[in-house]
Amino acid sequence: MTPIVAEAASQGPSAPDRAVDRLPSAEAWLAAAAHDGELFAQLDPGVRIALLARAAPTQMLVWEAGNRGIDVRIEPFADYATSGADIVLAADDEALVAVRSAEAGRLFAVLRAGVRSGHIVCYMLKQRCVLEERGLEDLLDALGFAFMGACR
């Protein structure tokens, strides 16, 4: 367990440990987007970033860029191909405890630590150059994905 994940996990979950309640609340997810607004301001309308529980992938928490900012909602999850997401973050239970416990200002540090430790798997469902064209370059960088060179 990474130090950031351990610190967040020591605060305990903010929601009961039922499959539906493993995800953070929509309000908390929206607050995190508002706190890191510069990462979301450059997203093209329609860009979708989803979080789901790997242990119970029946619902996903979605950030969706629109003309008036970021919208957040919980949607059913059937599979990656039909999710409509550009990026899906699939988190194990340990990472979800850390994500739920993270303050809005620390969410990307917790997500990045989870990705680096393997507790969160980041599925990029579009080619890297398409994600960059849609405004996701800085957000991917915040998650720890730094790429240099030609997009292929």
Protein backbone atom coordinates (compact mmCIF):
# COMPACT_ATOMS: atom_id res chain seq x y z
CA MET A 1 0.00 0.00 0.00
CA THR A 2 1.40 3.38 -0.96
CA PRO A 3 1.71 6.09 1.73
CA ILE A 4 -1.01 8.24 0.13
CA VAL A 5 -3.40 5.29 -0.10
CA ALA A 6 -2.55 4.23 3.48
CA GLU A 7 -3.20 7.72 4.80
CA ALA A 8 -6.54 8.02 3.01
CA ALA A 9 -7.58 4.48 3.99
CA SER A 10 -6.81 5.13 7.65
CA GLN A 11 -9.59 7.73 7.66
CA GLY A 12 -12.09 4.98 6.79
CA PRO A 13 -14.73 4.84 4.12
CA SER A 14 -17.33 7.57 3.86
CA ALA A 15 -20.03 5.19 2.64
CA PRO A 16 -21.18 1.71 3.58
CA ASP A 17 -19.31 -1.15 1.91
CA ARG A 18 -22.10 -2.36 -0.37
CA ALA A 19 -21.56 -2.82 -4.10
CA VAL A 20 -23.66 0.22 -5.03
CA ASP A 21 -22.05 2.39 -2.36
CA ARG A 22 -18.41 1.67 -3.19
CA LEU A 23 -18.20 4.65 -5.51
CA PRO A 24 -17.81 8.20 -4.17
CA SER A 25 -20.91 10.36 -4.10
CA ALA A 26 -21.71 12.40 -7.19
CA GLU A 27 -21.36 15.54 -5.05
CA ALA A 28 -17.82 14.62 -3.97
CA TRP A 29 -16.85 13.76 -7.56
CA LEU A 30 -18.20 17.14 -8.73
CA ALA A 31 -16.32 18.96 -5.95
CA ALA A 32 -13.08 17.29 -7.08
CA ALA A 33 -13.69 18.44 -10.65
CA ALA A 34 -14.39 21.97 -9.42
CA HIS A 35 -11.18 21.98 -7.33
CA ASP A 36 -9.09 20.91 -10.33
CA GLY A 37 -11.06 23.00 -12.79
CA GLU A 38 -8.04 23.78 -14.97
CA LEU A 39 -7.81 20.07 -15.88
CA PHE A 40 -11.44 20.02 -16.97
CA ALA A 41 -11.76 23.48 -18.59
CA GLN A 42 -10.00 22.37 -21.78
CA LEU A 43 -12.10 19.24 -22.33
CA ASP A 44 -14.24 19.11 -25.44
CA PRO A 45 -17.98 18.72 -24.81
CA GLY A 46 -18.87 15.06 -24.62
CA VAL A 47 -15.60 13.87 -23.09
CA ARG A 48 -16.40 11.22 -20.47
CA ILE A 49 -14.22 9.89 -17.67
CA ALA A 50 -15.67 7.04 -15.62
CA LEU A 51 -14.79 5.39 -12.32
CA LEU A 52 -16.02 1.92 -11.49
CA ALA A 53 -15.51 -0.69 -8.79
CA ARG A 54 -13.64 -3.68 -10.22
CA ALA A 55 -15.24 -5.99 -7.65
CA ALA A 56 -18.77 -4.96 -8.65
CA PRO A 57 -18.69 -3.30 -12.07
CA THR A 58 -22.41 -2.66 -12.37
CA GLN A 59 -22.35 1.14 -12.10
CA MET A 60 -19.94 3.87 -13.06
CA LEU A 61 -19.47 7.38 -11.76
CA VAL A 62 -19.02 9.67 -14.76
CA TRP A 63 -17.49 13.08 -15.24
CA GLU A 64 -18.86 14.44 -18.53
CA ALA A 65 -17.76 17.70 -20.11
CA GLY A 66 -20.53 19.86 -21.46
CA ASN A 67 -20.95 23.35 -22.83
CA ARG A 68 -21.70 24.62 -19.32
CA GLY A 69 -18.98 22.74 -17.44
CA ILE A 70 -18.69 19.30 -15.89
CA ASP A 71 -21.70 17.14 -15.16
CA VAL A 72 -21.51 14.17 -12.81
CA ARG A 73 -23.81 11.20 -12.61
CA ILE A 74 -23.95 7.52 -11.78
CA GLU A 75 -24.85 5.32 -14.74
CA PRO A 76 -25.23 1.60 -15.33
CA PHE A 77 -22.10 -0.15 -16.59
CA ALA A 78 -22.53 -3.04 -19.01
CA ASP A 79 -19.08 -3.12 -20.59
CA TYR A 80 -16.23 -0.87 -21.68
CA ALA A 81 -17.25 -0.70 -25.34
CA THR A 82 -20.77 0.60 -24.63
CA SER A 83 -19.82 2.86 -21.69
CA GLY A 84 -19.36 5.87 -23.96
CA ALA A 85 -16.30 6.80 -21.87
CA ASP A 86 -13.01 8.05 -23.22
CA ILE A 87 -11.22 6.84 -20.08
CA VAL A 88 -12.38 4.31 -17.47
CA LEU A 89 -10.67 4.08 -14.09
CA ALA A 90 -11.34 0.62 -12.66
CA ALA A 91 -10.47 0.64 -8.96
CA ASP A 92 -10.14 -2.19 -6.48
CA ASP A 93 -11.74 -1.95 -3.03
CA GLU A 94 -8.58 -0.59 -1.37
CA ALA A 95 -8.31 2.21 -3.91
CA LEU A 96 -12.01 3.04 -3.62
CA VAL A 97 -11.64 3.50 0.14
CA ALA A 98 -8.79 5.92 -0.55
CA VAL A 99 -10.73 7.74 -3.29
CA ARG A 100 -13.85 8.11 -1.11
CA SER A 101 -11.73 9.39 1.78
CA ALA A 102 -9.69 11.84 -0.28
CA GLU A 103 -10.43 15.51 0.00
CA ALA A 104 -11.18 17.20 -3.33
CA GLY A 105 -7.72 18.77 -3.38
CA ARG A 106 -5.98 15.41 -3.00
CA LEU A 107 -8.06 13.31 -5.37
CA PHE A 108 -5.60 13.34 -8.27
CA ALA A 109 -2.71 12.44 -5.94
CA VAL A 110 -4.74 9.47 -4.70
CA LEU A 111 -5.78 8.47 -8.23
CA ARG A 112 -2.17 8.75 -9.46
CA ALA A 113 -0.91 6.64 -6.53
CA GLY A 114 -3.59 4.05 -7.25
CA VAL A 115 -2.65 3.88 -10.93
CA ARG A 116 1.05 3.55 -10.13
CA SER A 117 0.45 0.82 -7.55
CA GLY A 118 -1.92 -1.15 -9.79
CA HIS A 119 -4.92 -0.63 -7.49
CA ILE A 120 -6.51 1.46 -10.24
CA VAL A 121 -6.35 0.36 -13.85
CA CYS A 122 -6.70 3.18 -16.36
CA TYR A 123 -8.35 2.08 -19.60
CA MET A 124 -7.87 4.58 -22.42
CA LEU A 125 -10.67 3.65 -24.78
CA LYS A 126 -9.52 5.94 -27.56
CA GLN A 127 -6.11 6.46 -29.15
CA ARG A 128 -3.77 8.77 -27.27
CA CYS A 129 -3.77 11.37 -30.07
CA VAL A 130 -7.59 11.44 -30.04
CA LEU A 131 -7.60 11.93 -26.26
CA GLU A 132 -5.11 14.79 -26.62
CA GLU A 133 -7.21 16.40 -29.38
CA ARG A 134 -10.23 16.23 -27.06
CA GLY A 135 -8.34 18.13 -24.32
CA LEU A 136 -7.29 15.26 -22.04
CA GLU A 137 -3.50 15.77 -22.16
CA ASP A 138 -3.19 17.64 -18.82
CA LEU A 139 -5.65 15.34 -17.08
CA LEU A 140 -3.71 12.27 -18.21
CA ASP A 141 -0.52 13.96 -17.04
CA ALA A 142 -2.15 14.53 -13.62
CA LEU A 143 -2.87 10.79 -13.49
CA GLY A 144 0.81 10.08 -14.15
CA PHE A 145 0.73 9.39 -17.89
CA ALA A 146 3.41 11.56 -19.46
CA PHE A 147 4.03 10.85 -23.13
CA MET A 148 6.46 12.54 -25.45
CA GLY A 149 6.95 12.19 -29.17
CA ALA A 150 4.74 11.58 -32.13
CA CYS A 151 1.25 10.24 -31.61
CA ARG A 152 0.85 6.90 -33.35
